[in-house]
Amino acid sequence: MKVQIAVTMGLAAILAACSPGPSAPKFANGKDEVANQIHAQILVEKRLREPASAQYGSLAVADIGLKTVVCGDVNAKNGFGGYTGPKRFIAMDERAVFAADLSAEEFAKLWAANCPP
C-alpha cells in the first residue's frame, strides 16, 4: 500500500514537472488596463540589455478596433551600466517597437495613429 502511494505520488510529480507552464500573457482588449500595461512591460523588457533596470514613465493604453496598444517611455541601463534616458515605445501585436527601430518620420506616424494624445 505504501509503495503504491509512493509510486503514484512520484508519477504525479513527474507529470506536473513535464506539463507546460502557463502561456505567455496576451493583451486583454478592452478588459484590464493594468494587465495590458504589465504585458507591454514584459514585451519591452525582452528587448532590453538589463531588463531589471527598466524605469517606466507614463504608459497609455488605447483600444483601437480589436487591437490594444500601449504607448510609453522607458529608461534602462545600457551595456556600460549607465541609463540611456527615456526612450519611447509602442507595444502592440505581441511586440514592442522603439523609436530607434524606425525612421523618425515612420515612428511619428505610428505614434500619431496609435497613441492617445
Foldseek 3Di string as FASTA:
>chain_A
DVVVVVVVVVVVVVVVVPDDDDDQDDADAPDDPVVNVVSQLVQVLVPAPDSVFKDWDDWAWDHDPPWIKIKTWIWGAHPVRDTDPTWIWIDIPSHIDTCVNDDVVVVVVVCVVHPDD
